[in-house]
């Protein structure tokens, strides 16, 4: 059977910032990611289903979902241009 639709996940790195990890207690780099899930039709992305933002500690690897407001704040602190 040949499927003509599916899903595609994209992970985009937005910023890196030094923070105190709430889990391991180390002051380490944390990476801010944007996670996008798209619906595809014949392997062509048709539309976006969901967008989530994630903060991941590089010391222990724990990841947590964060809000758009925190993403904007972390990008400004890291000196990265904020995307609209």
PDB file of N, CA and C in Angstrom:
ATOM      1  N   UNK A   1       0.844  -1.174   0.000  1.00  0.00           N
ATOM      2  CA  UNK A   1       0.000   0.000   0.000  1.00  0.00           C
ATOM      3  C   UNK A   1       0.888   1.235   0.000  1.00  0.00           C
ATOM      4  N   UNK A   2       0.539   2.203  -0.775  1.00  0.00           N
ATOM      5  CA  UNK A   2       1.315   3.424  -0.922  1.00  0.00           C
ATOM      6  C   UNK A   2       0.603   4.580  -0.226  1.00  0.00           C
ATOM      7  N   UNK A   3       1.281   5.194   0.745  1.00  0.00           N
ATOM      8  CA  UNK A   3       0.691   6.317   1.473  1.00  0.00           C
ATOM      9  C   UNK A   3       0.977   7.623   0.743  1.00  0.00           C
ATOM     10  N   UNK A   4      -0.027   8.451   0.621  1.00  0.00           N
ATOM     11  CA  UNK A   4       0.156   9.739  -0.053  1.00  0.00           C
ATOM     12  C   UNK A   4       0.152  10.906   0.911  1.00  0.00           C
ATOM     13  N   UNK A   5       0.016  10.621   2.208  1.00  0.00           N
ATOM     14  CA  UNK A   5       0.065  11.688   3.202  1.00  0.00           C
ATOM     15  C   UNK A   5       0.903  11.228   4.386  1.00  0.00           C
ATOM     16  N   UNK A   6       1.305  12.182   5.198  1.00  0.00           N
ATOM     17  CA  UNK A   6       2.112  11.846   6.363  1.00  0.00           C
ATOM     18  C   UNK A   6       2.402  13.082   7.197  1.00  0.00           C
ATOM     19  N   UNK A   7       3.418  12.960   8.040  1.00  0.00           N
ATOM     20  CA  UNK A   7       3.804  14.049   8.935  1.00  0.00           C
ATOM     21  C   UNK A   7       5.310  14.235   8.870  1.00  0.00           C
ATOM     22  N   UNK A   8       5.746  15.459   9.029  1.00  0.00           N
ATOM     23  CA  UNK A   8       7.172  15.763   9.038  1.00  0.00           C
ATOM     24  C   UNK A   8       7.448  16.634  10.264  1.00  0.00           C
ATOM     25  N   UNK A   9       8.492  16.287  10.994  1.00  0.00           N
ATOM     26  CA  UNK A   9       8.908  17.064  12.163  1.00  0.00           C
ATOM     27  C   UNK A   9      10.168  17.844  11.833  1.00  0.00           C
ATOM     28  N   UNK A  10      10.188  19.107  12.225  1.00  0.00           N
ATOM     29  CA  UNK A  10      11.359  19.963  12.048  1.00  0.00           C
ATOM     30  C   UNK A  10      11.820  20.449  13.413  1.00  0.00           C
ATOM     31  N   UNK A  11      13.129  20.503  13.595  1.00  0.00           N
ATOM     32  CA  UNK A  11      13.711  21.038  14.818  1.00  0.00           C
ATOM     33  C   UNK A  11      14.672  22.157  14.426  1.00  0.00           C
ATOM     34  N   UNK A  12      14.408  23.358  14.915  1.00  0.00           N
ATOM     35  CA  UNK A  12      15.243  24.514  14.612  1.00  0.00           C
ATOM     36  C   UNK A  12      15.875  25.036  15.895  1.00  0.00           C
ATOM     37  N   UNK A  13      17.175  25.228  15.881  1.00  0.00           N
ATOM     38  CA  UNK A  13      17.887  25.772  17.034  1.00  0.00           C
ATOM     39  C   UNK A  13      17.782  27.298  16.973  1.00  0.00           C
ATOM     40  N   UNK A  14      17.237  27.902  18.017  1.00  0.00           N
ATOM     41  CA  UNK A  14      17.012  29.347  18.033  1.00  0.00           C
ATOM     42  C   UNK A  14      18.074  30.115  18.797  1.00  0.00           C
ATOM     43  N   UNK A  15      18.522  29.592  19.937  1.00  0.00           N
ATOM     44  CA  UNK A  15      19.484  30.326  20.765  1.00  0.00           C
ATOM     45  C   UNK A  15      20.160  29.377  21.745  1.00  0.00           C
ATOM     46  N   UNK A  16      21.284  29.834  22.274  1.00  0.00           N
ATOM     47  CA  UNK A  16      21.987  29.128  23.344  1.00  0.00           C
ATOM     48  C   UNK A  16      22.272  30.145  24.441  1.00  0.00           C
ATOM     49  N   UNK A  17      21.959  29.772  25.678  1.00  0.00           N
ATOM     50  CA  UNK A  17      22.109  30.695  26.796  1.00  0.00           C
ATOM     51  C   UNK A  17      22.559  29.910  28.028  1.00  0.00           C
ATOM     52  N   UNK A  18      23.331  30.545  28.881  1.00  0.00           N
ATOM     53  CA  UNK A  18      23.806  29.911  30.101  1.00  0.00           C
ATOM     54  C   UNK A  18      22.801  30.155  31.225  1.00  0.00           C
ATOM     55  N   UNK A  19      22.272  29.065  31.776  1.00  0.00           N
ATOM     56  CA  UNK A  19      21.284  29.143  32.854  1.00  0.00           C
ATOM     57  C   UNK A  19      21.600  28.108  33.930  1.00  0.00           C
ATOM     58  N   UNK A  20      21.001  28.263  35.093  1.00  0.00           N
ATOM     59  CA  UNK A  20      21.093  27.287  36.165  1.00  0.00           C
ATOM     60  C   UNK A  20      20.005  26.243  35.940  1.00  0.00           C
ATOM     61  N   UNK A  21      20.396  24.992  35.770  1.00  0.00           N
ATOM     62  CA  UNK A  21      19.441  23.915  35.494  1.00  0.00           C
ATOM     63  C   UNK A  21      18.640  23.610  36.761  1.00  0.00           C
ATOM     64  N   UNK A  22      17.331  23.477  36.599  1.00  0.00           N
ATOM     65  CA  UNK A  22      16.456  23.182  37.730  1.00  0.00           C
ATOM     66  C   UNK A  22      16.541  21.720  38.154  1.00  0.00           C
ATOM     67  N   UNK A  23      17.066  20.851  37.293  1.00  0.00           N
ATOM     68  CA  UNK A  23      17.126  19.423  37.600  1.00  0.00           C
ATOM     69  C   UNK A  23      18.474  19.028  38.190  1.00  0.00           C
ATOM     70  N   UNK A  24      19.570  19.331  37.468  1.00  0.00           N
ATOM     71  CA  UNK A  24      20.889  18.876  37.922  1.00  0.00           C
ATOM     72  C   UNK A  24      21.620  19.921  38.777  1.00  0.00           C
ATOM     73  N   UNK A  25      21.188  21.170  38.734  1.00  0.00           N
ATOM     74  CA  UNK A  25      21.791  22.206  39.564  1.00  0.00           C
ATOM     75  C   UNK A  25      23.061  22.815  39.003  1.00  0.00           C
ATOM     76  N   UNK A  26      23.497  22.416  37.822  1.00  0.00           N
ATOM     77  CA  UNK A  26      24.694  22.979  37.201  1.00  0.00           C
ATOM     78  C   UNK A  26      24.345  24.240  36.410  1.00  0.00           C
ATOM     79  N   UNK A  27      25.277  25.164  36.384  1.00  0.00           N
ATOM     80  CA  UNK A  27      25.136  26.313  35.493  1.00  0.00           C
ATOM     81  C   UNK A  27      25.762  25.884  34.169  1.00  0.00           C
ATOM     82  N   UNK A  28      24.906  25.652  33.193  1.00  0.00           N
ATOM     83  CA  UNK A  28      25.365  25.101  31.909  1.00  0.00           C
ATOM     84  C   UNK A  28      24.617  25.777  30.771  1.00  0.00           C
ATOM     85  N   UNK A  29      25.093  25.518  29.578  1.00  0.00           N
ATOM     86  CA  UNK A  29      24.423  26.040  28.396  1.00  0.00           C
ATOM     87  C   UNK A  29      23.081  25.334  28.224  1.00  0.00           C
ATOM     88  N   UNK A  30      22.090  26.095  27.848  1.00  0.00           N
ATOM     89  CA  UNK A  30      20.766  25.575  27.524  1.00  0.00           C
ATOM     90  C   UNK A  30      20.461  25.995  26.094  1.00  0.00           C
ATOM     91  N   UNK A  31      19.928  25.084  25.326  1.00  0.00           N
ATOM     92  CA  UNK A  31      19.609  25.337  23.930  1.00  0.00           C
ATOM     93  C   UNK A  31      18.099  25.503  23.794  1.00  0.00           C
ATOM     94  N   UNK A  32      17.684  26.547  23.069  1.00  0.00           N
ATOM     95  CA  UNK A  32      16.273  26.797  22.808  1.00  0.00           C
ATOM     96  C   UNK A  32      15.964  26.286  21.402  1.00  0.00           C
ATOM     97  N   UNK A  33      14.974  25.401  21.304  1.00  0.00           N
ATOM     98  CA  UNK A  33      14.575  24.808  20.031  1.00  0.00           C
ATOM     99  C   UNK A  33      13.125  25.158  19.712  1.00  0.00           C
ATOM    100  N   UNK A  34      12.820  25.248  18.408  1.00  0.00           N
ATOM    101  CA  UNK A  34      11.434  25.328  17.943  1.00  0.00           C
ATOM    102  C   UNK A  34      11.127  23.997  17.262  1.00  0.00           C
ATOM    103  N   UNK A  35      10.065  23.326  17.719  1.00  0.00           N
ATOM    104  CA  UNK A  35       9.655  22.039  17.179  1.00  0.00           C
ATOM    105  C   UNK A  35       8.371  22.239  16.384  1.00  0.00           C
ATOM    106  N   UNK A  36       8.415  21.932  15.089  1.00  0.00           N
ATOM    107  CA  UNK A  36       7.274  22.136  14.200  1.00  0.00           C
ATOM    108  C   UNK A  36       6.855  20.789  13.626  1.00  0.00           C
ATOM    109  N   UNK A  37       5.556  20.500  13.668  1.00  0.00           N
ATOM    110  CA  UNK A  37       4.998  19.315  13.028  1.00  0.00           C
ATOM    111  C   UNK A  37       4.135  19.780  11.860  1.00  0.00           C
ATOM    112  N   UNK A  38       4.435  19.236  10.675  1.00  0.00           N
ATOM    113  CA  UNK A  38       3.709  19.612   9.459  1.00  0.00           C
ATOM    114  C   UNK A  38       3.015  18.392   8.860  1.00  0.00           C
ATOM    115  N   UNK A  39       1.854  18.634   8.267  1.00  0.00           N
ATOM    116  CA  UNK A  39       1.152  17.620   7.497  1.00  0.00           C
ATOM    117  C   UNK A  39       1.694  17.652   6.079  1.00  0.00           C
ATOM    118  N   UNK A  40       2.004  16.484   5.516  1.00  0.00           N
ATOM    119  CA  UNK A  40       2.545  16.430   4.156  1.00  0.00           C
ATOM    120  C   UNK A  40       1.596  15.655   3.245  1.00  0.00           C
ATOM    121  N   UNK A  41       1.555  16.085   2.008  1.00  0.00           N
ATOM    122  CA  UNK A  41       0.760  15.421   0.983  1.00  0.00           C
ATOM    123  C   UNK A  41       1.664  15.187  -0.213  1.00  0.00           C
ATOM    124  N   UNK A  42       1.875  13.932  -0.582  1.00  0.00           N
ATOM    125  CA  UNK A  42       2.835  13.562  -1.618  1.00  0.00           C
ATOM    126  C   UNK A  42       4.224  14.118  -1.304  1.00  0.00           C
ATOM    127  N   UNK A  43       4.638  14.016  -0.044  1.00  0.00           N
ATOM    128  CA  UNK A  43       5.950  14.433   0.453  1.00  0.00           C
ATOM    129  C   UNK A  43       6.174  15.948   0.396  1.00  0.00           C
ATOM    130  N   UNK A  44       5.142  16.719   0.140  1.00  0.00           N
ATOM    131  CA  UNK A  44       5.223  18.185   0.124  1.00  0.00           C
ATOM    132  C   UNK A  44       4.524  18.709   1.369  1.00  0.00           C
ATOM    133  N   UNK A  45       5.196  19.531   2.181  1.00  0.00           N
ATOM    134  CA  UNK A  45       4.541  20.078   3.375  1.00  0.00           C
ATOM    135  C   UNK A  45       3.332  20.924   2.994  1.00  0.00           C
ATOM    136  N   UNK A  46       2.164  20.551   3.498  1.00  0.00           N
ATOM    137  CA  UNK A  46       0.926  21.252   3.154  1.00  0.00           C
ATOM    138  C   UNK A  46       0.611  22.364   4.155  1.00  0.00           C
ATOM    139  N   UNK A  47       0.614  22.053   5.450  1.00  0.00           N
ATOM    140  CA  UNK A  47       0.341  23.074   6.461  1.00  0.00           C
ATOM    141  C   UNK A  47       0.915  22.637   7.798  1.00  0.00           C
ATOM    142  N   UNK A  48       1.077  23.621   8.687  1.00  0.00           N
ATOM    143  CA  UNK A  48       1.649  23.395  10.015  1.00  0.00           C
ATOM    144  C   UNK A  48       0.558  22.918  10.964  1.00  0.00           C
ATOM    145  N   UNK A  49       0.825  21.829  11.666  1.00  0.00           N
ATOM    146  CA  UNK A  49      -0.121  21.304  12.645  1.00  0.00           C
ATOM    147  C   UNK A  49       0.127  21.878  14.038  1.00  0.00           C
ATOM    148  N   UNK A  50       1.394  21.929  14.445  1.00  0.00           N
ATOM    149  CA  UNK A  50       1.691  22.433  15.786  1.00  0.00           C
ATOM    150  C   UNK A  50       3.096  23.015  15.843  1.00  0.00           C
ATOM    151  N   UNK A  51       3.281  23.918  16.800  1.00  0.00           N
ATOM    152  CA  UNK A  51       4.587  24.508  17.072  1.00  0.00           C
ATOM    153  C   UNK A  51       4.784  24.524  18.581  1.00  0.00           C
ATOM    154  N   UNK A  52       5.907  23.989  19.026  1.00  0.00           N
ATOM    155  CA  UNK A  52       6.261  23.986  20.445  1.00  0.00           C
ATOM    156  C   UNK A  52       7.678  24.522  20.574  1.00  0.00           C
ATOM    157  N   UNK A  53       7.974  25.082  21.741  1.00  0.00           N
ATOM    158  CA  UNK A  53       9.315  25.568  22.032  1.00  0.00           C
ATOM    159  C   UNK A  53       9.859  24.763  23.199  1.00  0.00           C
ATOM    160  N   UNK A  54      11.140  24.405  23.106  1.00  0.00           N
ATOM    161  CA  UNK A  54      11.752  23.511  24.080  1.00  0.00           C
ATOM    162  C   UNK A  54      13.081  24.091  24.541  1.00  0.00           C
ATOM    163  N   UNK A  55      13.369  23.945  25.835  1.00  0.00           N
ATOM    164  CA  UNK A  55      14.631  24.354  26.433  1.00  0.00           C
ATOM    165  C   UNK A  55      15.332  23.088  26.917  1.00  0.00           C
ATOM    166  N   UNK A  56      16.573  22.850  26.446  1.00  0.00           N
ATOM    167  CA  UNK A  56      17.287  21.622  26.802  1.00  0.00           C
ATOM    168  C   UNK A  56      18.624  21.950  27.444  1.00  0.00           C
ATOM    169  N   UNK A  57      18.884  21.328  28.597  1.00  0.00           N
ATOM    170  CA  UNK A  57      20.146  21.484  29.315  1.00  0.00           C
ATOM    171  C   UNK A  57      21.212  20.609  28.654  1.00  0.00           C
ATOM    172  N   UNK A  58      22.399  21.175  28.419  1.00  0.00           N
ATOM    173  CA  UNK A  58      23.469  20.388  27.801  1.00  0.00           C
ATOM    174  C   UNK A  58      24.218  19.536  28.822  1.00  0.00           C
ATOM    175  N   UNK A  59      24.062  19.817  30.113  1.00  0.00           N
ATOM    176  CA  UNK A  59      24.756  19.041  31.141  1.00  0.00           C
ATOM    177  C   UNK A  59      24.057  17.709  31.417  1.00  0.00           C
ATOM    178  N   UNK A  60      22.749  17.750  31.635  1.00  0.00           N
ATOM    179  CA  UNK A  60      22.030  16.521  31.983  1.00  0.00           C
ATOM    180  C   UNK A  60      21.094  16.041  30.875  1.00  0.00           C
ATOM    181  N   UNK A  61      20.813  16.893  29.885  1.00  0.00           N
ATOM    182  CA  UNK A  61      19.989  16.491  28.757  1.00  0.00           C
ATOM    183  C   UNK A  61      18.492  16.621  28.954  1.00  0.00           C
ATOM    184  N   UNK A  62      18.061  17.101  30.112  1.00  0.00           N
ATOM    185  CA  UNK A  62      16.628  17.226  30.356  1.00  0.00           C
ATOM    186  C   UNK A  62      16.063  18.350  29.482  1.00  0.00           C
ATOM    187  N   UNK A  63      14.861  18.132  28.963  1.00  0.00           N
ATOM    188  CA  UNK A  63      14.211  19.115  28.105  1.00  0.00           C
ATOM    189  C   UNK A  63      12.840  19.437  28.676  1.00  0.00           C
ATOM    190  N   UNK A  64      12.441  20.695  28.521  1.00  0.00           N
ATOM    191  CA  UNK A  64      11.132  21.114  28.994  1.00  0.00           C
ATOM    192  C   UNK A  64      10.500  22.056  27.972  1.00  0.00           C
ATOM    193  N   UNK A  65       9.188  22.000  27.868  1.00  0.00           N
ATOM    194  CA  UNK A  65       8.441  22.873  26.970  1.00  0.00           C
ATOM    195  C   UNK A  65       8.340  24.255  27.629  1.00  0.00           C
ATOM    196  N   UNK A  66       8.605  25.314  26.844  1.00  0.00           N
ATOM    197  CA  UNK A  66       8.539  26.681  27.376  1.00  0.00           C
ATOM    198  C   UNK A  66       7.609  27.512  26.502  1.00  0.00           C
ATOM    199  N   UNK A  67       7.245  28.692  27.005  1.00  0.00           N
ATOM    200  CA  UNK A  67       6.315  29.567  26.295  1.00  0.00           C
ATOM    201  C   UNK A  67       7.047  30.463  25.296  1.00  0.00           C
ATOM    202  N   UNK A  68       6.279  31.063  24.405  1.00  0.00           N
ATOM    203  CA  UNK A  68       6.826  31.987  23.411  1.00  0.00           C
ATOM    204  C   UNK A  68       7.454  33.202  24.084  1.00  0.00           C
ATOM    205  N   UNK A  69       6.902  33.656  25.197  1.00  0.00           N
ATOM    206  CA  UNK A  69       7.459  34.808  25.920  1.00  0.00           C
ATOM    207  C   UNK A  69       8.869  34.511  26.430  1.00  0.00           C
ATOM    208  N   UNK A  70       9.072  33.320  26.979  1.00  0.00           N
ATOM    209  CA  UNK A  70      10.408  32.941  27.448  1.00  0.00           C
ATOM    210  C   UNK A  70      11.384  32.819  26.286  1.00  0.00           C
ATOM    211  N   UNK A  71      10.926  32.311  25.156  1.00  0.00           N
ATOM    212  CA  UNK A  71      11.785  32.191  23.978  1.00  0.00           C
ATOM    213  C   UNK A  71      12.271  33.570  23.546  1.00  0.00           C
ATOM    214  N   UNK A  72      11.363  34.523  23.491  1.00  0.00           N
ATOM    215  CA  UNK A  72      11.722  35.888  23.109  1.00  0.00           C
ATOM    216  C   UNK A  72      12.725  36.477  24.087  1.00  0.00           C
ATOM    217  N   UNK A  73      12.508  36.263  25.376  1.00  0.00           N
ATOM    218  CA  UNK A  73      13.425  36.785  26.396  1.00  0.00           C
ATOM    219  C   UNK A  73      14.811  36.150  26.281  1.00  0.00           C
ATOM    220  N   UNK A  74      14.862  34.832  26.100  1.00  0.00           N
ATOM    221  CA  UNK A  74      16.146  34.144  25.975  1.00  0.00           C
ATOM    222  C   UNK A  74      16.886  34.555  24.708  1.00  0.00           C
ATOM    223  N   UNK A  75      16.166  34.784  23.619  1.00  0.00           N
ATOM    224  CA  UNK A  75      16.805  35.241  22.392  1.00  0.00           C
ATOM    225  C   UNK A  75      17.396  36.634  22.572  1.00  0.00           C
ATOM    226  N   UNK A  76      16.703  37.513  23.272  1.00  0.00           N
ATOM    227  CA  UNK A  76      17.212  38.853  23.521  1.00  0.00           C
ATOM    228  C   UNK A  76      18.443  38.806  24.417  1.00  0.00           C
ATOM    229  N   UNK A  77      18.443  37.959  25.436  1.00  0.00           N
ATOM    230  CA  UNK A  77      19.586  37.821  26.334  1.00  0.00           C
ATOM    231  C   UNK A  77      20.797  37.233  25.606  1.00  0.00           C
ATOM    232  N   UNK A  78      20.545  36.341  24.646  1.00  0.00           N
ATOM    233  CA  UNK A  78      21.636  35.709  23.903  1.00  0.00           C
ATOM    234  C   UNK A  78      22.144  36.585  22.762  1.00  0.00           C
ATOM    235  N   UNK A  79      21.425  37.677  22.476  1.00  0.00           N
ATOM    236  CA  UNK A  79      21.841  38.565  21.395  1.00  0.00           C
ATOM    237  C   UNK A  79      21.462  38.052  20.020  1.00  0.00           C
ATOM    238  N   UNK A  80      20.464  37.186  19.965  1.00  0.00           N
ATOM    239  CA  UNK A  80      19.991  36.639  18.698  1.00  0.00           C
ATOM    240  C   UNK A  80      18.809  37.480  18.225  1.00  0.00           C
ATOM    241  N   UNK A  81      18.741  37.816  16.943  1.00  0.00           N
ATOM    242  CA  UNK A  81      17.576  38.567  16.458  1.00  0.00           C
ATOM    243  C   UNK A  81      16.289  37.783  16.655  1.00  0.00           C
ATOM    244  N   UNK A  82      15.270  38.454  17.164  1.00  0.00           N
ATOM    245  CA  UNK A  82      13.992  37.814  17.451  1.00  0.00           C
ATOM    246  C   UNK A  82      13.166  37.775  16.178  1.00  0.00           C
ATOM    247  N   UNK A  83      12.665  36.578  15.842  1.00  0.00           N
ATOM    248  CA  UNK A  83      11.834  36.419  14.652  1.00  0.00           C
ATOM    249  C   UNK A  83      10.387  36.672  15.008  1.00  0.00           C
ATOM    250  N   UNK A  84       9.664  37.275  14.103  1.00  0.00           N
ATOM    251  CA  UNK A  84       8.257  37.578  14.341  1.00  0.00           C
ATOM    252  C   UNK A  84       7.382  36.369  14.148  1.00  0.00           C
TER     253      UNK A  84
END
